[in-house]
Amino acid sequence: MPGAQMPQFKELLKDAGVKGFSGSSDAVVTGVAYDSRLVEPGYVFVCIKGEKHDGHEFVGDAVRRGAVAIVAEREVAPPEGVAVALVSDSREALARIAQVFYGDPSRSLVCVGVTGTKGKTTTTHLVKAVLDASGRWCGIIGTVGHVIGNEVVQAKHTTPEALDIQRMLNDMRARGQTAAAMEVSSHAVVQRRVLGVDFDIGVFTNIGHDHLDFHGTFENYLAAKASFFEALGTGRSPKGLLRTAVVNLDQPQAGYIISRTRARVLTYGITSEADVRAHNVELFPHGASFVVRVPSGQAEVRLRLTGVFNVYNALAAIACGIASGASLEDAKSGVEQVTGVPGRFEAIDEGQPFAVVVDFAHTPDSLENILRAARSLGKGDMTVVFGCGGDRDRTKRPVMGEVAARLADRVIITSDNPRSEDPEAICREIEGGVLKAGGPRDGYEVIVNRADAISRALALAREGDVVVIAGKGHETYQIFRDRTIHFDDREVARNCLRERFAGGKVQS
């Protein structure tokens, strides 16, 4: 709750886009919910449409649980005595109501929003490290987990609903944090989830082949990303910082993003003449080094993360540091402290004589990036195990198959999160791309059971080889049509390795 003084319903509706009203607006509100199961006495229930359910169908349940007011997009018929506000857009209303209920916490937190197809998670962790090093205690709202104070809270979505965002920002403020780094998905932008968050800095990492099932076209996807930067505004924020768009200038779409924002622009890159630029980039099996040049000077950076993509992520974080007023020394110190992010090019080491990496890569570009990076981990053959999620963009499946066949020596196609689709059918679509590319040098297999696929890859690996397990990363579940089961690529890999190398000897 925001404090001892609870607001009246009418106070929450100030910017909610109310177009009709019935009942009394004087009810004291003790909480807000968009899930009727979470309603308690004194709550406002906001009816939003989700992927599977429409909140308008659960008004009765919300009232039975004690809701004193309803916010809806269409006419509902609650019992007498329950106020109803009709709004044009329930999601927008939810964001504005949450903003007021929690006392607009982002106005007192330096807020960094990171958007892009790849790199959001790692970049937010690097941003946190930079801001922490500069004296700002930074929280995280993101895919792997939300960092609130000293607590890590499990995440269900890349970007939570607006109500949850405002609550977490309020919790950060209450625990003494002074900054927040947030992953901002394209879904979140379209669905108004970040409305009401006063961003000081927005980051554009890159854009690739993803989420076209939701957006329809690549142009719509790009426009959703761009609208985030359009909404940044201009001038200084209430925290005294100049609103800044941090843009990867090496991306072909950089110019479009820049053209859509009125904020100050700070660019980063490797090949282009960016404001924050990496020179003399060297990659190692477990790290990277480069010289970063910024308007105020230069510094040598030694990352404990490998891959060119992580150099870009580090540059973005350094640029955020500069935009927030951090020194180059603090920015350098921050990025150098990060050793890794769960499920992001995460090494699995049980003493085996070959490298095993788990990564969240689930797009053609991200798969290509990690496979190229993984080559540096060993001199032997490379096997990749991956699948594609069901009920998601089908067009990327054969493309990922082509990428895998072209860059790996052996490919094992398996299931990811099939959801409502037939996992074998998804595998066949991936297989089409593998065959189109002529197949990998050492052949390919289709093993639908993901645990069996991982086991097979690790059983085939020999000294100096590399095994990449891609697609699920940090996830600890697998979603099927009729059930969700516990499944963690890292756990499965560790168990397989322990069985194979029990006692330090290879088990036949």
Protein backbone atom coordinates (compact mmCIF):
# COMPACT_ATOMS: atom_id res chain seq x y z
CA MET A 1 0.00 0.00 0.00
CA PRO A 2 1.19 3.51 -0.72
CA GLY A 3 0.78 4.74 2.83
CA ALA A 4 -1.57 5.25 5.73
CA GLN A 5 -3.80 7.67 3.84
CA MET A 6 -5.92 5.64 1.43
CA PRO A 7 -7.27 7.52 -1.63
CA GLN A 8 -10.88 7.85 -2.69
CA PHE A 9 -11.98 6.26 -5.94
CA LYS A 10 -12.43 9.66 -7.61
CA GLU A 11 -8.82 10.59 -6.85
CA LEU A 12 -7.59 7.57 -8.82
CA LEU A 13 -9.61 8.46 -11.91
CA LYS A 14 -7.96 11.82 -12.62
CA ASP A 15 -6.20 10.74 -15.86
CA ALA A 16 -7.95 7.42 -16.44
CA GLY A 17 -9.99 8.49 -19.47
CA VAL A 18 -13.41 8.16 -17.82
CA LYS A 19 -16.31 8.49 -20.28
CA GLY A 20 -19.16 7.34 -18.03
CA PHE A 21 -19.86 6.82 -14.34
CA SER A 22 -22.43 5.29 -11.99
CA GLY A 23 -22.56 5.06 -8.20
CA SER A 24 -20.56 6.97 -5.63
CA SER A 25 -16.98 8.06 -6.31
CA ASP A 26 -16.24 8.65 -2.62
CA ALA A 27 -15.39 5.05 -1.71
CA VAL A 28 -12.04 4.69 0.06
CA VAL A 29 -9.78 2.37 -1.94
CA THR A 30 -7.46 -0.04 -0.12
CA GLY A 31 -6.00 -1.72 -3.19
CA VAL A 32 -6.17 -2.28 -6.95
CA ALA A 33 -6.38 -5.57 -8.87
CA TYR A 34 -6.85 -6.77 -12.46
CA ASP A 35 -7.21 -10.44 -11.40
CA SER A 36 -10.47 -11.03 -9.53
CA ARG A 37 -8.82 -13.77 -7.46
CA LEU A 38 -6.58 -11.15 -5.88
CA VAL A 39 -9.39 -8.77 -4.89
CA GLU A 40 -9.80 -7.98 -1.19
CA PRO A 41 -12.35 -5.78 0.62
CA GLY A 42 -12.02 -2.16 -0.45
CA TYR A 43 -10.34 -2.88 -3.79
CA VAL A 44 -10.88 -1.41 -7.23
CA PHE A 45 -11.16 -4.11 -9.90
CA VAL A 46 -9.96 -3.11 -13.38
CA CYS A 47 -11.32 -5.26 -16.21
CA ILE A 48 -8.60 -5.89 -18.79
CA LYS A 49 -8.49 -8.37 -21.64
CA GLY A 50 -5.67 -10.91 -21.35
CA GLU A 51 -4.45 -13.62 -23.73
CA LYS A 52 -6.92 -16.17 -22.37
CA HIS A 53 -9.46 -14.32 -20.22
CA ASP A 54 -11.49 -11.11 -20.26
CA GLY A 55 -11.74 -9.39 -16.90
CA HIS A 56 -15.25 -8.16 -17.72
CA GLU A 57 -16.45 -11.74 -17.23
CA PHE A 58 -15.24 -11.78 -13.62
CA VAL A 59 -16.90 -8.67 -12.21
CA GLY A 60 -19.26 -10.79 -10.11
CA ASP A 61 -16.37 -12.68 -8.55
CA ALA A 62 -14.56 -9.41 -7.80
CA VAL A 63 -17.63 -7.96 -6.07
CA ARG A 64 -18.12 -11.12 -3.99
CA ARG A 65 -14.54 -10.74 -2.80
CA GLY A 66 -15.13 -7.16 -1.66
CA ALA A 67 -14.54 -4.84 -4.63
CA VAL A 68 -16.04 -1.38 -3.97
CA ALA A 69 -15.53 -0.09 -7.51
CA ILE A 70 -15.17 -1.40 -11.06
CA VAL A 71 -13.31 0.06 -14.03
CA ALA A 72 -14.45 -1.34 -17.38
CA GLU A 73 -14.48 -0.69 -21.13
CA ARG A 74 -18.08 -1.81 -21.57
CA GLU A 75 -21.28 -1.86 -19.54
CA VAL A 76 -21.26 -4.24 -16.58
CA ALA A 77 -23.97 -4.89 -14.03
CA PRO A 78 -22.52 -5.07 -10.50
CA PRO A 79 -24.74 -5.08 -7.38
CA GLU A 80 -26.13 -1.82 -6.07
CA GLY A 81 -23.63 0.20 -4.11
CA VAL A 82 -20.63 -0.66 -6.27
CA ALA A 83 -19.33 2.24 -8.34
CA VAL A 84 -18.52 1.73 -12.04
CA ALA A 85 -16.26 3.89 -14.19
CA LEU A 86 -16.44 3.33 -17.94
CA VAL A 87 -13.18 4.12 -19.74
CA SER A 88 -11.97 4.14 -23.32
CA ASP A 89 -8.98 1.88 -22.64
CA SER A 90 -8.84 -0.32 -19.53
CA ARG A 91 -5.11 -0.92 -19.81
CA GLU A 92 -4.40 2.79 -19.99
CA ALA A 93 -6.74 3.33 -17.04
CA LEU A 94 -4.98 0.60 -15.05
CA ALA A 95 -1.63 2.29 -15.63
CA ARG A 96 -2.88 5.72 -14.55
CA ILE A 97 -4.77 4.39 -11.53
CA ALA A 98 -1.71 2.42 -10.39
CA GLN A 99 0.51 5.45 -10.87
CA VAL A 100 -1.70 7.55 -8.58
CA PHE A 101 -2.36 4.77 -6.04
CA TYR A 102 1.34 4.17 -5.47
CA GLY A 103 2.30 7.82 -5.39
CA ASP A 104 4.04 8.06 -8.76
CA PRO A 105 7.26 6.34 -7.59
CA SER A 106 9.18 6.73 -10.86
CA ARG A 107 9.35 10.51 -10.33
CA SER A 108 11.88 9.87 -7.57
CA LEU A 109 13.79 6.99 -9.21
CA VAL A 110 16.25 7.29 -12.08
CA CYS A 111 14.53 4.97 -14.58
CA VAL A 112 16.26 3.27 -17.50
CA GLY A 113 14.14 1.35 -20.02
CA VAL A 114 15.90 -1.14 -22.29
CA THR A 115 14.15 -2.36 -25.43
CA GLY A 116 15.27 -4.50 -28.36
CA THR A 117 15.00 -8.05 -29.66
CA LYS A 118 18.22 -9.23 -28.01
CA GLY A 119 20.34 -8.10 -25.11
CA LYS A 120 17.68 -6.60 -22.84
CA THR A 121 18.35 -8.86 -19.87
CA THR A 122 22.14 -8.64 -19.88
CA THR A 123 22.06 -4.91 -20.57
CA THR A 124 19.77 -4.21 -17.60
CA HIS A 125 22.14 -6.15 -15.33
CA LEU A 126 25.10 -4.19 -16.70
CA VAL A 127 23.18 -0.92 -16.23
CA LYS A 128 22.49 -1.87 -12.62
CA ALA A 129 26.18 -2.53 -12.07
CA VAL A 130 27.13 0.84 -13.57
CA LEU A 131 24.56 2.79 -11.56
CA ASP A 132 25.48 0.91 -8.37
CA ALA A 133 29.14 1.78 -8.96
CA SER A 134 28.23 5.45 -9.38
CA GLY A 135 26.42 5.58 -6.04
CA ARG A 136 22.87 4.91 -7.18
CA TRP A 137 21.36 1.71 -5.76
CA CYS A 138 19.53 0.22 -8.72
CA GLY A 139 16.69 -2.30 -8.89
CA ILE A 140 15.77 -4.45 -11.89
CA ILE A 141 12.46 -5.36 -13.51
CA GLY A 142 13.18 -8.05 -16.08
CA THR A 143 12.96 -11.53 -17.54
CA VAL A 144 15.28 -13.45 -15.23
CA GLY A 145 13.88 -11.90 -12.06
CA HIS A 146 13.03 -8.62 -10.41
CA VAL A 147 15.69 -7.23 -8.08
CA ILE A 148 13.91 -5.25 -5.36
CA GLY A 149 16.19 -4.17 -2.54
CA ASN A 150 18.21 -7.25 -1.63
CA GLU A 151 15.48 -9.61 -2.82
CA VAL A 152 15.15 -11.39 -6.19
CA VAL A 153 11.53 -12.03 -7.17
CA GLN A 154 10.68 -14.56 -9.87
CA ALA A 155 9.39 -13.00 -13.08
CA LYS A 156 6.44 -14.25 -15.15
CA HIS A 157 6.79 -11.78 -18.03
CA THR A 158 9.61 -9.72 -19.51
CA THR A 159 7.64 -6.62 -18.59
CA PRO A 160 4.89 -7.04 -15.96
CA GLU A 161 1.46 -5.41 -16.04
CA ALA A 162 1.34 -1.70 -15.23
CA LEU A 163 -0.03 -2.28 -11.73
CA ASP A 164 2.80 -4.65 -10.86
CA ILE A 165 5.41 -2.26 -12.26
CA GLN A 166 4.16 0.62 -10.11
CA ARG A 167 4.02 -1.60 -7.03
CA MET A 168 7.60 -2.79 -7.57
CA LEU A 169 8.88 0.73 -8.18
CA ASN A 170 7.16 1.79 -4.96
CA ASP A 171 8.82 -1.11 -3.12
CA MET A 172 12.21 -0.10 -4.51
CA ARG A 173 11.68 3.45 -3.32
CA ALA A 174 10.56 2.24 0.12
CA ARG A 175 13.70 0.10 0.47
CA GLY A 176 16.00 3.00 -0.32
CA GLN A 177 16.82 2.27 -3.94
CA THR A 178 17.31 5.32 -6.11
CA ALA A 179 17.24 3.85 -9.62
CA ALA A 180 15.55 1.14 -11.67
CA ALA A 181 16.59 -0.65 -14.86
CA MET A 182 13.67 -2.19 -16.72
CA GLU A 183 13.32 -4.48 -19.72
CA VAL A 184 10.66 -3.03 -22.00
CA SER A 185 9.14 -5.50 -24.44
CA SER A 186 7.24 -4.48 -27.56
CA HIS A 187 4.15 -6.16 -26.08
CA ALA A 188 4.48 -3.94 -23.03
CA VAL A 189 4.60 -0.79 -25.15
CA VAL A 190 1.52 -1.72 -27.18
CA GLN A 191 -0.40 -2.86 -24.10
CA ARG A 192 0.36 0.35 -22.14
CA ARG A 193 2.20 -1.52 -19.38
CA VAL A 194 4.93 1.12 -19.05
CA LEU A 195 2.54 4.05 -19.26
CA GLY A 196 3.02 6.20 -16.19
CA VAL A 197 6.71 5.34 -15.77
CA ASP A 198 8.85 8.47 -15.98
CA PHE A 199 11.86 7.18 -17.93
CA ASP A 200 15.03 9.23 -17.85
CA ILE A 201 16.87 7.02 -20.34
CA GLY A 202 15.67 4.68 -23.07
CA VAL A 203 17.99 2.13 -24.71
CA PHE A 204 17.61 0.61 -28.18
CA THR A 205 19.80 -2.49 -28.46
CA ASN A 206 18.78 -4.02 -31.80
CA ILE A 207 15.83 -5.48 -33.66
CA GLY A 208 15.45 -8.82 -35.40
CA HIS A 209 13.03 -11.55 -36.37
CA ASP A 210 10.69 -12.02 -33.42
CA HIS A 211 7.15 -11.47 -32.12
CA LEU A 212 5.64 -11.20 -35.59
CA ASP A 213 2.82 -13.45 -34.38
CA PHE A 214 1.76 -10.55 -32.16
CA HIS A 215 2.65 -7.54 -34.32
CA GLY A 216 1.79 -9.00 -37.72
CA THR A 217 4.60 -7.32 -39.64
CA PHE A 218 8.18 -6.31 -39.00
CA GLU A 219 7.15 -2.69 -39.65
CA ASN A 220 4.59 -2.85 -36.83
CA TYR A 221 7.19 -4.43 -34.55
CA LEU A 222 9.69 -1.67 -35.30
CA ALA A 223 7.03 1.00 -34.86
CA ALA A 224 6.21 -0.38 -31.40
CA LYS A 225 9.86 -0.07 -30.40
CA ALA A 226 10.05 3.43 -31.84
CA SER A 227 6.95 4.60 -30.00
CA PHE A 228 8.75 3.99 -26.72
CA PHE A 229 11.37 6.56 -27.70
CA GLU A 230 8.72 8.93 -28.96
CA ALA A 231 7.15 8.83 -25.49
CA LEU A 232 10.45 9.67 -23.74
CA GLY A 233 9.75 13.34 -24.20
CA THR A 234 12.36 16.05 -23.98
CA GLY A 235 14.14 18.31 -21.53
CA ARG A 236 14.98 17.34 -17.98
CA SER A 237 13.12 14.84 -15.85
CA PRO A 238 11.99 15.57 -12.26
CA LYS A 239 15.25 13.92 -11.20
CA GLY A 240 17.24 16.61 -12.99
CA LEU A 241 18.56 14.38 -15.78
CA LEU A 242 18.36 15.25 -19.45
CA ARG A 243 16.07 12.68 -21.04
CA THR A 244 18.25 10.57 -23.31
CA ALA A 245 17.76 7.97 -26.04
CA VAL A 246 20.74 5.58 -26.09
CA VAL A 247 20.83 4.04 -29.56
CA ASN A 248 22.96 1.31 -31.15
CA LEU A 249 24.24 3.18 -34.21
CA ASP A 250 25.46 -0.03 -35.87
CA GLN A 251 21.85 -1.15 -36.32
CA PRO A 252 20.26 -0.38 -39.71
CA GLN A 253 17.13 0.90 -37.94
CA ALA A 254 19.04 3.37 -35.76
CA GLY A 255 18.16 6.34 -37.97
CA TYR A 256 14.46 5.56 -37.75
CA ILE A 257 14.57 5.30 -33.96
CA ILE A 258 16.49 8.58 -33.71
CA SER A 259 14.00 10.31 -36.00
CA ARG A 260 11.12 9.31 -33.69
CA THR A 261 12.48 10.80 -30.48
CA ARG A 262 12.70 14.35 -29.15
CA ALA A 263 15.08 13.32 -26.38
CA ARG A 264 18.82 13.89 -26.43
CA VAL A 265 20.48 11.11 -28.45
CA LEU A 266 23.60 9.29 -27.29
CA THR A 267 24.81 6.62 -29.72
CA TYR A 268 27.03 3.60 -29.21
CA GLY A 269 28.66 1.11 -31.56
CA ILE A 270 31.77 -0.60 -32.86
CA THR A 271 31.81 -0.06 -36.62
CA SER A 272 30.14 3.35 -36.78
CA GLU A 273 31.26 6.77 -35.57
CA ALA A 274 29.24 6.58 -32.38
CA ASP A 275 29.45 8.78 -29.26
CA VAL A 276 30.42 5.73 -27.20
CA ARG A 277 32.56 3.46 -29.34
CA ALA A 278 34.62 0.32 -28.80
CA HIS A 279 38.05 0.02 -30.43
CA ASN A 280 40.54 -2.84 -30.46
CA VAL A 281 37.94 -5.45 -29.54
CA GLU A 282 39.43 -8.81 -28.51
CA LEU A 283 37.38 -11.87 -27.60
CA PHE A 284 38.48 -14.67 -25.29
CA PRO A 285 36.78 -17.91 -24.21
CA HIS A 286 35.54 -16.34 -20.99
CA GLY A 287 35.78 -12.63 -21.55
CA ALA A 288 36.52 -9.71 -23.86
CA SER A 289 38.57 -6.54 -23.89
CA PHE A 290 38.24 -3.26 -25.73
CA VAL A 291 39.07 0.42 -25.52
CA VAL A 292 35.96 2.54 -25.08
CA ARG A 293 36.05 6.13 -26.29
CA VAL A 294 33.48 8.62 -25.05
CA PRO A 295 33.24 12.40 -25.47
CA SER A 296 35.14 12.93 -22.20
CA GLY A 297 37.97 10.45 -22.77
CA GLN A 298 38.76 6.75 -23.08
CA ALA A 299 39.39 3.68 -20.93
CA GLU A 300 40.43 0.06 -21.39
CA VAL A 301 37.65 -2.34 -20.41
CA ARG A 302 38.08 -6.02 -19.56
CA LEU A 303 34.75 -7.81 -19.52
CA ARG A 304 34.10 -11.12 -17.82
CA LEU A 305 31.52 -11.79 -20.51
CA THR A 306 32.44 -13.06 -23.97
CA GLY A 307 31.03 -12.44 -27.44
CA VAL A 308 30.69 -9.32 -29.59
CA PHE A 309 27.05 -9.06 -28.49
CA ASN A 310 28.19 -8.56 -24.90
CA VAL A 311 30.57 -5.82 -26.01
CA TYR A 312 27.52 -4.05 -27.42
CA ASN A 313 25.59 -4.64 -24.18
CA ALA A 314 28.48 -3.18 -22.18
CA LEU A 315 28.66 -0.13 -24.47
CA ALA A 316 24.94 0.47 -23.93
CA ALA A 317 25.42 0.32 -20.16
CA ILE A 318 28.41 2.67 -20.30
CA ALA A 319 26.34 5.12 -22.37
CA CYS A 320 23.57 4.91 -19.76
CA GLY A 321 26.13 5.68 -17.09
CA ILE A 322 27.27 8.79 -18.95
CA ALA A 323 23.66 9.88 -19.51
CA SER A 324 22.99 9.53 -15.77
CA GLY A 325 26.02 11.59 -14.81
CA ALA A 326 28.32 8.70 -13.85
CA SER A 327 32.04 9.03 -14.48
CA LEU A 328 33.74 6.90 -17.11
CA GLU A 329 35.72 5.26 -14.31
CA ASP A 330 32.54 4.20 -12.51
CA ALA A 331 30.98 2.95 -15.76
CA LYS A 332 34.09 0.91 -16.53
CA SER A 333 34.20 -0.49 -12.99
CA GLY A 334 30.53 -1.44 -13.15
CA VAL A 335 30.59 -3.43 -16.38
CA GLU A 336 33.81 -5.18 -15.36
CA GLN A 337 32.15 -6.55 -12.22
CA VAL A 338 29.41 -8.50 -14.02
CA THR A 339 30.31 -12.16 -14.31
CA GLY A 340 27.18 -13.40 -16.02
CA VAL A 341 23.40 -13.52 -16.09
CA PRO A 342 21.45 -16.75 -15.48
CA GLY A 343 20.63 -18.49 -18.74
CA ARG A 344 22.58 -16.01 -20.83
CA PHE A 345 25.62 -17.77 -22.30
CA GLU A 346 25.83 -19.57 -18.97
CA ALA A 347 28.64 -22.11 -18.67
CA ILE A 348 27.78 -25.52 -17.16
CA ASP A 349 30.92 -26.93 -15.57
CA GLU A 350 30.95 -30.31 -13.87
CA GLY A 351 34.62 -30.93 -14.61
CA GLN A 352 33.95 -32.35 -18.08
CA PRO A 353 36.69 -32.01 -20.76
CA PHE A 354 34.43 -30.03 -23.11
CA ALA A 355 32.43 -26.80 -22.93
CA VAL A 356 28.68 -26.69 -22.29
CA VAL A 357 26.71 -23.45 -22.63
CA VAL A 358 23.03 -22.73 -21.94
CA ASP A 359 21.49 -19.66 -23.58
CA PHE A 360 18.05 -18.10 -24.04
CA ALA A 361 18.65 -17.56 -27.78
CA HIS A 362 15.30 -18.03 -29.54
CA THR A 363 15.61 -15.95 -32.69
CA PRO A 364 17.76 -16.46 -35.80
CA ASP A 365 20.02 -13.52 -34.96
CA SER A 366 20.53 -14.49 -31.33
CA LEU A 367 21.21 -18.12 -32.26
CA GLU A 368 23.80 -17.01 -34.79
CA ASN A 369 25.45 -14.74 -32.22
CA ILE A 370 25.85 -17.41 -29.57
CA LEU A 371 27.04 -20.07 -32.01
CA ARG A 372 29.72 -17.75 -33.33
CA ALA A 373 30.73 -16.82 -29.78
CA ALA A 374 30.76 -20.46 -28.66
CA ARG A 375 33.35 -21.38 -31.29
CA SER A 376 36.01 -19.76 -29.14
CA LEU A 377 35.28 -22.15 -26.25
CA GLY A 378 36.90 -25.22 -27.83
CA LYS A 379 38.91 -26.49 -30.76
CA GLY A 380 36.71 -29.53 -31.40
CA ASP A 381 33.26 -29.96 -32.89
CA MET A 382 30.22 -27.94 -31.87
CA THR A 383 26.77 -29.41 -31.27
CA VAL A 384 23.67 -27.28 -30.85
CA VAL A 385 20.44 -28.47 -29.21
CA PHE A 386 17.43 -26.23 -29.80
CA GLY A 387 13.74 -25.99 -30.66
CA CYS A 388 11.16 -23.27 -31.22
CA GLY A 389 8.19 -22.24 -29.09
CA GLY A 390 4.64 -23.05 -30.12
CA ASP A 391 1.99 -20.39 -30.70
CA ARG A 392 4.75 -18.01 -31.71
CA ASP A 393 6.15 -16.73 -35.01
CA ARG A 394 6.35 -19.80 -37.29
CA THR A 395 8.38 -18.10 -40.00
CA LYS A 396 11.54 -18.06 -37.89
CA ARG A 397 11.61 -21.86 -37.45
CA PRO A 398 13.21 -22.84 -40.79
CA VAL A 399 15.45 -19.78 -40.61
CA MET A 400 16.84 -20.96 -37.27
CA GLY A 401 17.30 -24.42 -38.78
CA GLU A 402 19.40 -22.89 -41.56
CA VAL A 403 21.49 -20.91 -39.05
CA ALA A 404 22.14 -24.01 -36.95
CA ALA A 405 23.09 -26.16 -39.95
CA ARG A 406 25.44 -23.50 -41.26
CA LEU A 407 27.31 -22.74 -38.04
CA ALA A 408 27.28 -25.95 -35.99
CA ASP A 409 28.91 -29.29 -36.78
CA ARG A 410 26.00 -31.28 -35.37
CA VAL A 411 22.37 -30.24 -34.83
CA ILE A 412 19.84 -31.86 -32.52
CA ILE A 413 16.33 -30.51 -33.05
CA THR A 414 14.04 -30.83 -30.06
CA SER A 415 11.00 -29.40 -28.32
CA ASP A 416 10.94 -26.00 -26.61
CA ASN A 417 7.62 -24.77 -25.18
CA PRO A 418 5.19 -26.30 -27.69
CA ARG A 419 2.13 -24.86 -25.94
CA SER A 420 -0.97 -25.77 -27.98
CA GLU A 421 0.99 -26.99 -31.01
CA ASP A 422 2.24 -30.48 -31.86
CA PRO A 423 5.95 -30.53 -30.90
CA GLU A 424 6.77 -32.98 -33.71
CA ALA A 425 5.24 -30.63 -36.26
CA ILE A 426 7.36 -27.73 -34.93
CA CYS A 427 10.48 -29.89 -35.23
CA ARG A 428 9.61 -30.72 -38.84
CA GLU A 429 9.39 -27.01 -39.70
CA ILE A 430 12.85 -26.47 -38.20
CA GLU A 431 14.12 -29.55 -40.04
CA GLY A 432 13.05 -28.00 -43.34
CA GLY A 433 15.54 -25.19 -42.78
CA VAL A 434 18.31 -27.62 -41.80
CA LEU A 435 17.79 -29.57 -45.03
CA LYS A 436 17.63 -26.39 -47.11
CA ALA A 437 21.09 -25.47 -45.82
CA GLY A 438 22.40 -28.90 -46.78
CA GLY A 439 22.64 -30.09 -43.17
CA PRO A 440 25.57 -29.72 -40.78
CA ARG A 441 28.86 -31.53 -41.39
CA ASP A 442 28.27 -34.23 -38.78
CA GLY A 443 24.56 -34.61 -39.47
CA TYR A 444 21.45 -33.89 -37.46
CA GLU A 445 18.87 -35.69 -35.35
CA VAL A 446 15.32 -34.97 -34.30
CA ILE A 447 14.74 -35.94 -30.66
CA VAL A 448 11.46 -34.44 -29.52
CA ASN A 449 11.94 -35.15 -25.81
CA ARG A 450 14.13 -32.27 -24.67
CA ALA A 451 15.81 -34.14 -21.80
CA ASP A 452 16.72 -36.99 -24.16
CA ALA A 453 18.05 -34.50 -26.71
CA ILE A 454 20.33 -32.84 -24.15
CA SER A 455 21.49 -36.24 -22.90
CA ARG A 456 22.31 -37.33 -26.45
CA ALA A 457 24.35 -34.21 -27.18
CA LEU A 458 26.37 -34.56 -23.99
CA ALA A 459 26.94 -38.28 -24.58
CA LEU A 460 28.42 -37.56 -28.02
CA ALA A 461 30.72 -34.76 -26.85
CA ARG A 462 34.45 -35.43 -26.69
CA GLU A 463 37.42 -33.51 -25.31
CA GLY A 464 37.65 -30.01 -26.79
CA ASP A 465 34.10 -30.04 -28.15
CA VAL A 466 31.41 -27.44 -27.47
CA VAL A 467 27.74 -28.13 -26.72
CA VAL A 468 25.25 -25.26 -26.95
CA ILE A 469 21.77 -25.76 -25.47
CA ALA A 470 19.62 -22.91 -26.75
CA GLY A 471 16.12 -21.53 -26.44
CA LYS A 472 15.06 -21.69 -22.81
CA GLY A 473 17.98 -20.26 -20.87
CA HIS A 474 16.87 -19.35 -17.35
CA GLU A 475 13.39 -20.89 -17.68
CA THR A 476 12.52 -23.58 -15.16
CA TYR A 477 9.44 -24.97 -16.90
CA GLN A 478 8.18 -26.46 -20.14
CA ILE A 479 4.70 -25.61 -21.42
CA PHE A 480 2.59 -28.23 -23.20
CA ARG A 481 -0.98 -28.13 -24.46
CA ASP A 482 -2.44 -29.61 -21.28
CA ARG A 483 0.21 -29.07 -18.62
CA THR A 484 3.27 -27.18 -17.49
CA ILE A 485 6.14 -29.21 -16.04
CA HIS A 486 9.32 -28.33 -14.20
CA PHE A 487 12.20 -28.29 -16.65
CA ASP A 488 15.55 -26.54 -16.40
CA ASP A 489 18.14 -27.03 -19.16
CA ARG A 490 20.90 -26.34 -16.65
CA GLU A 491 19.68 -28.98 -14.20
CA VAL A 492 19.28 -31.57 -16.93
CA ALA A 493 22.75 -30.86 -18.30
CA ARG A 494 24.38 -31.04 -14.87
CA ASN A 495 22.67 -34.32 -14.04
CA CYS A 496 23.73 -35.84 -17.37
CA LEU A 497 27.32 -34.74 -16.87
CA ARG A 498 27.43 -36.06 -13.32
CA GLU A 499 26.14 -39.42 -14.47
CA ARG A 500 28.60 -39.62 -17.33
CA PHE A 501 31.61 -38.50 -15.32
CA ALA A 502 30.78 -40.00 -11.93
CA GLY A 503 33.97 -40.55 -10.00
CA GLY A 504 35.94 -38.69 -12.62
CA LYS A 505 35.61 -41.51 -15.12
CA VAL A 506 33.64 -41.70 -18.30
CA GLN A 507 30.71 -44.06 -17.86
CA SER A 508 30.04 -46.37 -20.75
